[in-house]
Amino acid sequence: MTASMPTAFVGHGSPMNAFETNRYTEAWRAFGAAIPRPRAVLAVSAHWYINATAVTAMARPRTIHDFFGFPPEMFAFTYDAPGDPELASRVGDVVAPVWVGLDLDSWGIDHGAWSVLRHVVPGADVPVVQLSVDASKPLAYHVELGRRLAPLRDEGVLILASGNIVHNLALLDPRRADSGFDWAERFDDEARRILVDGEPEAVLDLAGHRDFDRAVPTPDHFLPLLYVAGLAAAAGERAKVMVDGYVYGSLSMTSLTVGI
């Protein structure tokens, strides 16, 4: 019997990570080298945060530069992976009766996905489909949707969720280039404890954590973690830490894997 494809949550941090070599990007590259070659990637990125559940269904997704104030070469970069309309339709099948819209022209591959995929699949030669993060749904919806996506792992699909467990840009402190505030570390530690040592679905309890409001001032970067929690719960697996750390006090770089 073929083993299920591993899955991962990646703390992606700055889009500059697409172009830098550091311990985070080295860990992402090592992850990509360690897993079987996927037949396709389903990326759940914090940066496609809309009021609907949708998947990209175009044959040639465009590279989206959803940031500003960075060097011109970053805007010139393209991640030219093909799309996979068949996988887009399959996502709708496996999560039914949840409705999933097929996006033929509005989105593509955003930097939450390509800044990581440039290291995990550096050749851009594996088809990529993105799944939106539905801003209108409660936390439990995203865990359940992760559970429903589990059959794709047995079909050779790498499910790669990209966000940050702690993501508070308003409180960034340049003096803390490689360290976290105490509240950021407490919240990140508890999230890792749940995923690595506890029951994955208990990730929902983080909403009651005393540091939740500072660690998650907006839910967009936190929600991709819930998809990996749901996938882990569906398989009865626990996560492992791929790499961890902090940037500028209020940004967690923790990345987790399931199935490797």
C-alpha atoms as a PDB file:
ATOM      1  CA  MET A   1       0.000   0.000   0.000  1.00  0.00           C
ATOM      2  CA  THR A   2       1.340   3.447  -0.906  1.00  0.00           C
ATOM      3  CA  ALA A   3       1.888   5.743   2.073  1.00  0.00           C
ATOM      4  CA  SER A   4      -0.066   8.962   2.258  1.00  0.00           C
ATOM      5  CA  MET A   5       1.664  12.079   1.030  1.00  0.00           C
ATOM      6  CA  PRO A   6       2.986  14.175   3.927  1.00  0.00           C
ATOM      7  CA  THR A   7       1.422  17.563   4.558  1.00  0.00           C
ATOM      8  CA  ALA A   8       2.763  20.690   6.210  1.00  0.00           C
ATOM      9  CA  PHE A   9       2.002  24.052   7.734  1.00  0.00           C
ATOM     10  CA  VAL A  10       4.703  26.604   6.979  1.00  0.00           C
ATOM     11  CA  GLY A  11       5.291  29.882   8.793  1.00  0.00           C
ATOM     12  CA  HIS A  12       6.212  31.905   5.728  1.00  0.00           C
ATOM     13  CA  GLY A  13       7.097  35.304   7.189  1.00  0.00           C
ATOM     14  CA  SER A  14       8.342  37.968   4.769  1.00  0.00           C
ATOM     15  CA  PRO A  15       8.177  37.455   0.985  1.00  0.00           C
ATOM     16  CA  MET A  16      11.946  38.047   1.106  1.00  0.00           C
ATOM     17  CA  ASN A  17      12.218  34.423   2.236  1.00  0.00           C
ATOM     18  CA  ALA A  18      11.624  33.449  -1.377  1.00  0.00           C
ATOM     19  CA  PHE A  19      15.030  34.902  -2.228  1.00  0.00           C
ATOM     20  CA  GLU A  20      17.054  34.308   0.932  1.00  0.00           C
ATOM     21  CA  THR A  21      18.930  31.334   2.300  1.00  0.00           C
ATOM     22  CA  ASN A  22      18.367  31.025   6.030  1.00  0.00           C
ATOM     23  CA  ARG A  23      17.483  28.285   8.462  1.00  0.00           C
ATOM     24  CA  TYR A  24      13.797  28.538   7.589  1.00  0.00           C
ATOM     25  CA  THR A  25      14.238  28.280   3.838  1.00  0.00           C
ATOM     26  CA  GLU A  26      16.803  25.507   4.303  1.00  0.00           C
ATOM     27  CA  ALA A  27      14.219  23.546   6.332  1.00  0.00           C
ATOM     28  CA  TRP A  28      11.575  24.033   3.621  1.00  0.00           C
ATOM     29  CA  ARG A  29      14.019  22.874   0.964  1.00  0.00           C
ATOM     30  CA  ALA A  30      14.965  19.813   3.060  1.00  0.00           C
ATOM     31  CA  PHE A  31      11.270  18.977   3.472  1.00  0.00           C
ATOM     32  CA  GLY A  32      10.756  19.109  -0.289  1.00  0.00           C
ATOM     33  CA  ALA A  33      13.758  16.858  -0.874  1.00  0.00           C
ATOM     34  CA  ALA A  34      12.637  14.317   1.759  1.00  0.00           C
ATOM     35  CA  ILE A  35       9.110  13.637   0.514  1.00  0.00           C
ATOM     36  CA  PRO A  36       8.025  11.629  -2.550  1.00  0.00           C
ATOM     37  CA  ARG A  37       7.491  13.730  -5.645  1.00  0.00           C
ATOM     38  CA  PRO A  38       3.863  14.908  -5.438  1.00  0.00           C
ATOM     39  CA  ARG A  39       1.582  14.652  -8.455  1.00  0.00           C
ATOM     40  CA  ALA A  40       0.237  18.101  -7.508  1.00  0.00           C
ATOM     41  CA  VAL A  41       0.199  20.670  -4.710  1.00  0.00           C
ATOM     42  CA  LEU A  42      -2.897  22.055  -3.013  1.00  0.00           C
ATOM     43  CA  ALA A  43      -1.779  25.292  -1.350  1.00  0.00           C
ATOM     44  CA  VAL A  44      -3.797  26.934   1.418  1.00  0.00           C
ATOM     45  CA  SER A  45      -2.411  30.456   1.680  1.00  0.00           C
ATOM     46  CA  ALA A  46      -3.275  33.174   4.182  1.00  0.00           C
ATOM     47  CA  HIS A  47      -3.154  35.650   1.313  1.00  0.00           C
ATOM     48  CA  TRP A  48      -6.234  34.388  -0.516  1.00  0.00           C
ATOM     49  CA  TYR A  49      -8.614  35.453   2.219  1.00  0.00           C
ATOM     50  CA  ILE A  50     -12.091  36.006   0.789  1.00  0.00           C
ATOM     51  CA  ASN A  51     -15.732  35.468   1.712  1.00  0.00           C
ATOM     52  CA  ALA A  52     -16.006  32.154  -0.115  1.00  0.00           C
ATOM     53  CA  THR A  53     -14.401  28.737  -0.425  1.00  0.00           C
ATOM     54  CA  ALA A  54     -12.847  28.489  -3.875  1.00  0.00           C
ATOM     55  CA  VAL A  55     -10.027  26.820  -5.770  1.00  0.00           C
ATOM     56  CA  THR A  56      -7.976  28.042  -8.700  1.00  0.00           C
ATOM     57  CA  ALA A  57      -9.059  26.066 -11.751  1.00  0.00           C
ATOM     58  CA  MET A  58      -7.056  27.648 -14.558  1.00  0.00           C
ATOM     59  CA  ALA A  59      -4.460  25.733 -16.566  1.00  0.00           C
ATOM     60  CA  ARG A  60      -1.786  28.455 -16.193  1.00  0.00           C
ATOM     61  CA  PRO A  61      -2.112  30.334 -12.897  1.00  0.00           C
ATOM     62  CA  ARG A  62      -0.409  33.714 -12.791  1.00  0.00           C
ATOM     63  CA  THR A  63       2.156  34.725 -10.174  1.00  0.00           C
ATOM     64  CA  ILE A  64       0.600  37.278  -7.815  1.00  0.00           C
ATOM     65  CA  HIS A  65       2.799  39.926  -6.186  1.00  0.00           C
ATOM     66  CA  ASP A  66       0.518  40.826  -3.287  1.00  0.00           C
ATOM     67  CA  PHE A  67       2.895  43.120  -1.375  1.00  0.00           C
ATOM     68  CA  PHE A  68       4.530  46.525  -1.733  1.00  0.00           C
ATOM     69  CA  GLY A  69       7.745  48.302  -0.789  1.00  0.00           C
ATOM     70  CA  PHE A  70      10.103  45.458  -1.757  1.00  0.00           C
ATOM     71  CA  PRO A  71      12.932  45.451  -4.335  1.00  0.00           C
ATOM     72  CA  PRO A  72      11.931  45.477  -8.044  1.00  0.00           C
ATOM     73  CA  GLU A  73      13.392  42.020  -8.687  1.00  0.00           C
ATOM     74  CA  MET A  74      10.723  40.540  -6.429  1.00  0.00           C
ATOM     75  CA  PHE A  75       7.994  41.922  -8.671  1.00  0.00           C
ATOM     76  CA  ALA A  76       9.756  40.505 -11.716  1.00  0.00           C
ATOM     77  CA  PHE A  77       9.857  36.977 -10.278  1.00  0.00           C
ATOM     78  CA  THR A  78       7.412  34.395 -11.626  1.00  0.00           C
ATOM     79  CA  TYR A  79       6.663  30.923 -10.322  1.00  0.00           C
ATOM     80  CA  ASP A  80       5.485  29.288 -13.523  1.00  0.00           C
ATOM     81  CA  ALA A  81       3.988  26.052 -12.241  1.00  0.00           C
ATOM     82  CA  PRO A  82       1.035  24.737 -14.246  1.00  0.00           C
ATOM     83  CA  GLY A  83      -2.430  24.552 -12.769  1.00  0.00           C
ATOM     84  CA  ASP A  84      -4.540  21.409 -12.475  1.00  0.00           C
ATOM     85  CA  PRO A  85      -8.219  21.898 -13.353  1.00  0.00           C
ATOM     86  CA  GLU A  86      -8.886  18.198 -12.707  1.00  0.00           C
ATOM     87  CA  LEU A  87      -7.582  18.514  -9.136  1.00  0.00           C
ATOM     88  CA  ALA A  88      -9.646  21.674  -8.666  1.00  0.00           C
ATOM     89  CA  SER A  89     -12.784  19.692  -9.500  1.00  0.00           C
ATOM     90  CA  ARG A  90     -11.649  16.809  -7.306  1.00  0.00           C
ATOM     91  CA  VAL A  91     -11.389  19.154  -4.302  1.00  0.00           C
ATOM     92  CA  GLY A  92     -15.090  19.873  -4.713  1.00  0.00           C
ATOM     93  CA  ASP A  93     -15.821  16.151  -4.792  1.00  0.00           C
ATOM     94  CA  VAL A  94     -13.921  15.251  -1.620  1.00  0.00           C
ATOM     95  CA  VAL A  95     -15.329  18.071   0.535  1.00  0.00           C
ATOM     96  CA  ALA A  96     -18.967  17.695  -0.611  1.00  0.00           C
ATOM     97  CA  PRO A  97     -21.530  18.813   0.393  1.00  0.00           C
ATOM     98  CA  VAL A  98     -19.397  21.889   1.150  1.00  0.00           C
ATOM     99  CA  TRP A  99     -19.636  24.166  -1.898  1.00  0.00           C
ATOM    100  CA  VAL A 100     -16.346  25.086  -3.584  1.00  0.00           C
ATOM    101  CA  GLY A 101     -16.234  27.651  -6.372  1.00  0.00           C
ATOM    102  CA  LEU A 102     -13.982  27.145  -9.396  1.00  0.00           C
ATOM    103  CA  ASP A 103     -11.925  30.275 -10.040  1.00  0.00           C
ATOM    104  CA  LEU A 104     -10.986  30.468 -13.699  1.00  0.00           C
ATOM    105  CA  ASP A 105      -9.384  33.900 -13.867  1.00  0.00           C
ATOM    106  CA  SER A 106      -9.304  36.032 -10.702  1.00  0.00           C
ATOM    107  CA  TRP A 107      -6.473  34.571  -8.601  1.00  0.00           C
ATOM    108  CA  GLY A 108      -3.343  32.483  -9.171  1.00  0.00           C
ATOM    109  CA  ILE A 109      -0.322  31.657  -6.981  1.00  0.00           C
ATOM    110  CA  ASP A 110       0.229  34.345  -4.344  1.00  0.00           C
ATOM    111  CA  HIS A 111       3.388  35.005  -2.363  1.00  0.00           C
ATOM    112  CA  GLY A 112       2.147  33.034   0.629  1.00  0.00           C
ATOM    113  CA  ALA A 113       2.374  30.011  -1.656  1.00  0.00           C
ATOM    114  CA  TRP A 114       5.242  30.785  -4.048  1.00  0.00           C
ATOM    115  CA  SER A 115       7.654  32.127  -1.430  1.00  0.00           C
ATOM    116  CA  VAL A 116       7.552  28.632   0.099  1.00  0.00           C
ATOM    117  CA  LEU A 117       7.098  26.573  -3.069  1.00  0.00           C
ATOM    118  CA  ARG A 118      10.197  28.140  -4.586  1.00  0.00           C
ATOM    119  CA  HIS A 119      12.127  26.103  -1.997  1.00  0.00           C
ATOM    120  CA  VAL A 120       9.900  23.029  -1.637  1.00  0.00           C
ATOM    121  CA  VAL A 121       9.449  22.528  -5.409  1.00  0.00           C
ATOM    122  CA  PRO A 122      12.219  24.724  -6.849  1.00  0.00           C
ATOM    123  CA  GLY A 123      11.683  23.570 -10.424  1.00  0.00           C
ATOM    124  CA  ALA A 124       8.063  24.849 -10.512  1.00  0.00           C
ATOM    125  CA  ASP A 125       7.337  21.614 -12.387  1.00  0.00           C
ATOM    126  CA  VAL A 126       4.525  20.251 -10.199  1.00  0.00           C
ATOM    127  CA  PRO A 127       0.951  21.501 -10.804  1.00  0.00           C
ATOM    128  CA  VAL A 128      -0.355  23.916  -8.164  1.00  0.00           C
ATOM    129  CA  VAL A 129      -3.940  24.615  -7.127  1.00  0.00           C
ATOM    130  CA  GLN A 130      -4.743  27.177  -4.419  1.00  0.00           C
ATOM    131  CA  LEU A 131      -7.610  26.869  -1.951  1.00  0.00           C
ATOM    132  CA  SER A 132      -8.990  30.116  -0.557  1.00  0.00           C
ATOM    133  CA  VAL A 133      -9.403  30.753   3.150  1.00  0.00           C
ATOM    134  CA  ASP A 134     -13.069  31.622   3.730  1.00  0.00           C
ATOM    135  CA  ALA A 135     -13.191  34.678   6.011  1.00  0.00           C
ATOM    136  CA  SER A 136     -16.923  34.256   6.635  1.00  0.00           C
ATOM    137  CA  LYS A 137     -16.663  30.889   8.402  1.00  0.00           C
ATOM    138  CA  PRO A 138     -15.995  29.998  12.070  1.00  0.00           C
ATOM    139  CA  LEU A 139     -12.769  28.314  13.172  1.00  0.00           C
ATOM    140  CA  ALA A 140     -14.341  24.849  13.316  1.00  0.00           C
ATOM    141  CA  TYR A 141     -15.249  25.047   9.625  1.00  0.00           C
ATOM    142  CA  HIS A 142     -11.581  25.179   8.648  1.00  0.00           C
ATOM    143  CA  VAL A 143     -10.626  22.192  10.802  1.00  0.00           C
ATOM    144  CA  GLU A 144     -13.492  20.191   9.314  1.00  0.00           C
ATOM    145  CA  LEU A 145     -12.568  21.212   5.777  1.00  0.00           C
ATOM    146  CA  GLY A 146      -9.038  20.011   6.491  1.00  0.00           C
ATOM    147  CA  ARG A 147     -10.442  16.650   7.578  1.00  0.00           C
ATOM    148  CA  ARG A 148     -12.452  16.377   4.369  1.00  0.00           C
ATOM    149  CA  LEU A 149      -9.367  17.031   2.241  1.00  0.00           C
ATOM    150  CA  ALA A 150      -7.597  13.979   3.698  1.00  0.00           C
ATOM    151  CA  PRO A 151      -8.320  11.603   0.757  1.00  0.00           C
ATOM    152  CA  LEU A 152      -6.155  13.785  -1.476  1.00  0.00           C
ATOM    153  CA  ARG A 153      -3.086  12.705   0.507  1.00  0.00           C
ATOM    154  CA  ASP A 154      -3.667   9.147  -0.714  1.00  0.00           C
ATOM    155  CA  GLU A 155      -3.821  10.451  -4.282  1.00  0.00           C
ATOM    156  CA  GLY A 156      -0.327  11.926  -4.228  1.00  0.00           C
ATOM    157  CA  VAL A 157      -1.337  15.522  -3.473  1.00  0.00           C
ATOM    158  CA  LEU A 158       0.897  17.579  -1.212  1.00  0.00           C
ATOM    159  CA  ILE A 159      -1.313  19.831   0.928  1.00  0.00           C
ATOM    160  CA  LEU A 160       0.790  22.809   1.958  1.00  0.00           C
ATOM    161  CA  ALA A 161      -0.728  25.397   4.279  1.00  0.00           C
ATOM    162  CA  SER A 162       1.078  28.713   4.604  1.00  0.00           C
ATOM    163  CA  GLY A 163       0.557  31.366   7.275  1.00  0.00           C
ATOM    164  CA  ASN A 164       1.994  32.207  10.703  1.00  0.00           C
ATOM    165  CA  ILE A 165       0.824  30.986  14.111  1.00  0.00           C
ATOM    166  CA  VAL A 166       1.702  34.420  15.525  1.00  0.00           C
ATOM    167  CA  HIS A 167       1.299  37.309  13.079  1.00  0.00           C
ATOM    168  CA  ASN A 168       0.992  40.833  14.477  1.00  0.00           C
ATOM    169  CA  LEU A 169       2.547  43.334  12.086  1.00  0.00           C
ATOM    170  CA  ALA A 170       1.489  46.302  14.216  1.00  0.00           C
ATOM    171  CA  LEU A 171       3.782  45.195  17.043  1.00  0.00           C
ATOM    172  CA  LEU A 172       6.903  44.335  15.007  1.00  0.00           C
ATOM    173  CA  ASP A 173      10.096  45.417  16.782  1.00  0.00           C
ATOM    174  CA  PRO A 174      13.214  45.622  14.553  1.00  0.00           C
ATOM    175  CA  ARG A 175      15.403  45.312  17.661  1.00  0.00           C
ATOM    176  CA  ARG A 176      14.171  41.735  18.060  1.00  0.00           C
ATOM    177  CA  ALA A 177      15.362  40.334  14.746  1.00  0.00           C
ATOM    178  CA  ASP A 178      15.491  36.729  16.007  1.00  0.00           C
ATOM    179  CA  SER A 179      13.437  36.649  19.191  1.00  0.00           C
ATOM    180  CA  GLY A 180       9.807  36.721  20.252  1.00  0.00           C
ATOM    181  CA  PHE A 181       7.885  38.675  22.840  1.00  0.00           C
ATOM    182  CA  ASP A 182       6.891  36.596  25.876  1.00  0.00           C
ATOM    183  CA  TRP A 183       3.234  36.557  24.794  1.00  0.00           C
ATOM    184  CA  ALA A 184       4.190  35.437  21.272  1.00  0.00           C
ATOM    185  CA  GLU A 185       6.291  32.590  22.643  1.00  0.00           C
ATOM    186  CA  ARG A 186       3.545  31.485  25.045  1.00  0.00           C
ATOM    187  CA  PHE A 187       0.965  31.301  22.267  1.00  0.00           C
ATOM    188  CA  ASP A 188       3.286  29.621  19.797  1.00  0.00           C
ATOM    189  CA  ASP A 189       4.403  27.110  22.425  1.00  0.00           C
ATOM    190  CA  GLU A 190       0.811  26.152  23.193  1.00  0.00           C
ATOM    191  CA  ALA A 191      -0.064  25.740  19.515  1.00  0.00           C
ATOM    192  CA  ARG A 192       2.941  23.472  19.012  1.00  0.00           C
ATOM    193  CA  ARG A 193       2.113  21.489  22.167  1.00  0.00           C
ATOM    194  CA  ILE A 194      -1.404  20.798  20.886  1.00  0.00           C
ATOM    195  CA  LEU A 195      -0.288  19.737  17.418  1.00  0.00           C
ATOM    196  CA  VAL A 196       2.774  17.742  18.518  1.00  0.00           C
ATOM    197  CA  ASP A 197       1.774  16.263  21.891  1.00  0.00           C
ATOM    198  CA  GLY A 198      -1.990  16.686  22.165  1.00  0.00           C
ATOM    199  CA  GLU A 199      -5.136  16.188  20.125  1.00  0.00           C
ATOM    200  CA  PRO A 200      -4.995  18.162  16.862  1.00  0.00           C
ATOM    201  CA  GLU A 201      -8.607  19.306  17.000  1.00  0.00           C
ATOM    202  CA  ALA A 202      -7.887  20.961  20.355  1.00  0.00           C
ATOM    203  CA  VAL A 203      -6.295  23.695  18.253  1.00  0.00           C
ATOM    204  CA  LEU A 204      -9.738  25.310  18.469  1.00  0.00           C
ATOM    205  CA  ASP A 205      -9.114  25.884  22.175  1.00  0.00           C
ATOM    206  CA  LEU A 206      -6.461  28.424  21.232  1.00  0.00           C
ATOM    207  CA  ALA A 207      -9.277  30.932  20.691  1.00  0.00           C
ATOM    208  CA  GLY A 208      -9.565  31.065  24.488  1.00  0.00           C
ATOM    209  CA  HIS A 209      -5.837  31.507  25.126  1.00  0.00           C
ATOM    210  CA  ARG A 210      -4.974  34.667  27.039  1.00  0.00           C
ATOM    211  CA  ASP A 211      -2.626  35.800  24.260  1.00  0.00           C
ATOM    212  CA  PHE A 212      -4.936  35.022  21.333  1.00  0.00           C
ATOM    213  CA  ASP A 213      -5.922  38.625  20.615  1.00  0.00           C
ATOM    214  CA  ARG A 214      -2.322  39.806  20.361  1.00  0.00           C
ATOM    215  CA  ALA A 215      -1.057  36.731  18.526  1.00  0.00           C
ATOM    216  CA  VAL A 216      -4.013  36.636  16.124  1.00  0.00           C
ATOM    217  CA  PRO A 217      -5.262  40.219  15.671  1.00  0.00           C
ATOM    218  CA  THR A 218      -6.716  39.089  12.331  1.00  0.00           C
ATOM    219  CA  PRO A 219      -7.393  35.405  11.582  1.00  0.00           C
ATOM    220  CA  ASP A 220      -6.019  35.208   8.027  1.00  0.00           C
ATOM    221  CA  HIS A 221      -2.525  33.903   8.869  1.00  0.00           C
ATOM    222  CA  PHE A 222      -3.733  31.643  11.687  1.00  0.00           C
ATOM    223  CA  LEU A 223      -6.467  29.804   9.772  1.00  0.00           C
ATOM    224  CA  PRO A 224      -4.179  27.762   7.458  1.00  0.00           C
ATOM    225  CA  LEU A 225      -2.880  25.986  10.579  1.00  0.00           C
ATOM    226  CA  LEU A 226      -6.382  24.624  11.165  1.00  0.00           C
ATOM    227  CA  TYR A 227      -6.335  22.760   7.857  1.00  0.00           C
ATOM    228  CA  VAL A 228      -3.258  20.810   8.890  1.00  0.00           C
ATOM    229  CA  ALA A 229      -4.853  20.155  12.292  1.00  0.00           C
ATOM    230  CA  GLY A 230      -7.874  18.686  10.513  1.00  0.00           C
ATOM    231  CA  LEU A 231      -5.686  16.574   8.236  1.00  0.00           C
ATOM    232  CA  ALA A 232      -3.737  15.273  11.238  1.00  0.00           C
ATOM    233  CA  ALA A 233      -6.949  14.435  13.077  1.00  0.00           C
ATOM    234  CA  ALA A 234      -8.360  12.585  10.071  1.00  0.00           C
ATOM    235  CA  ALA A 235      -5.266  10.388   9.906  1.00  0.00           C
ATOM    236  CA  GLY A 236      -4.852   9.955  13.651  1.00  0.00           C
ATOM    237  CA  GLU A 237      -1.391  11.511  13.357  1.00  0.00           C
ATOM    238  CA  ARG A 238       0.493  14.152  15.281  1.00  0.00           C
ATOM    239  CA  ALA A 239       2.661  16.877  13.875  1.00  0.00           C
ATOM    240  CA  LYS A 240       6.423  17.269  14.081  1.00  0.00           C
ATOM    241  CA  VAL A 241       8.295  20.544  14.186  1.00  0.00           C
ATOM    242  CA  MET A 242      10.120  21.230  10.924  1.00  0.00           C
ATOM    243  CA  VAL A 243      11.673  24.480  12.154  1.00  0.00           C
ATOM    244  CA  ASP A 244      10.753  27.175  14.652  1.00  0.00           C
ATOM    245  CA  GLY A 245      11.779  30.663  15.655  1.00  0.00           C
ATOM    246  CA  TYR A 246      10.621  34.280  15.759  1.00  0.00           C
ATOM    247  CA  VAL A 247      11.143  37.417  13.714  1.00  0.00           C
ATOM    248  CA  TYR A 248      10.860  40.956  15.108  1.00  0.00           C
ATOM    249  CA  GLY A 249       9.135  39.850  18.284  1.00  0.00           C
ATOM    250  CA  SER A 250       5.622  39.381  16.973  1.00  0.00           C
ATOM    251  CA  LEU A 251       6.023  36.957  14.059  1.00  0.00           C
ATOM    252  CA  SER A 252       6.345  33.195  14.585  1.00  0.00           C
ATOM    253  CA  MET A 253       8.159  31.166  11.941  1.00  0.00           C
ATOM    254  CA  THR A 254       7.100  27.744  13.249  1.00  0.00           C
ATOM    255  CA  SER A 255       6.614  25.144  10.509  1.00  0.00           C
ATOM    256  CA  LEU A 256       5.062  21.733  11.169  1.00  0.00           C
ATOM    257  CA  THR A 257       4.841  18.503   9.214  1.00  0.00           C
ATOM    258  CA  VAL A 258       2.420  15.588   9.370  1.00  0.00           C
ATOM    259  CA  GLY A 259       3.361  12.186   7.968  1.00  0.00           C
ATOM    260  CA  ILE A 260       7.137  12.587   7.827  1.00  0.00           C
END
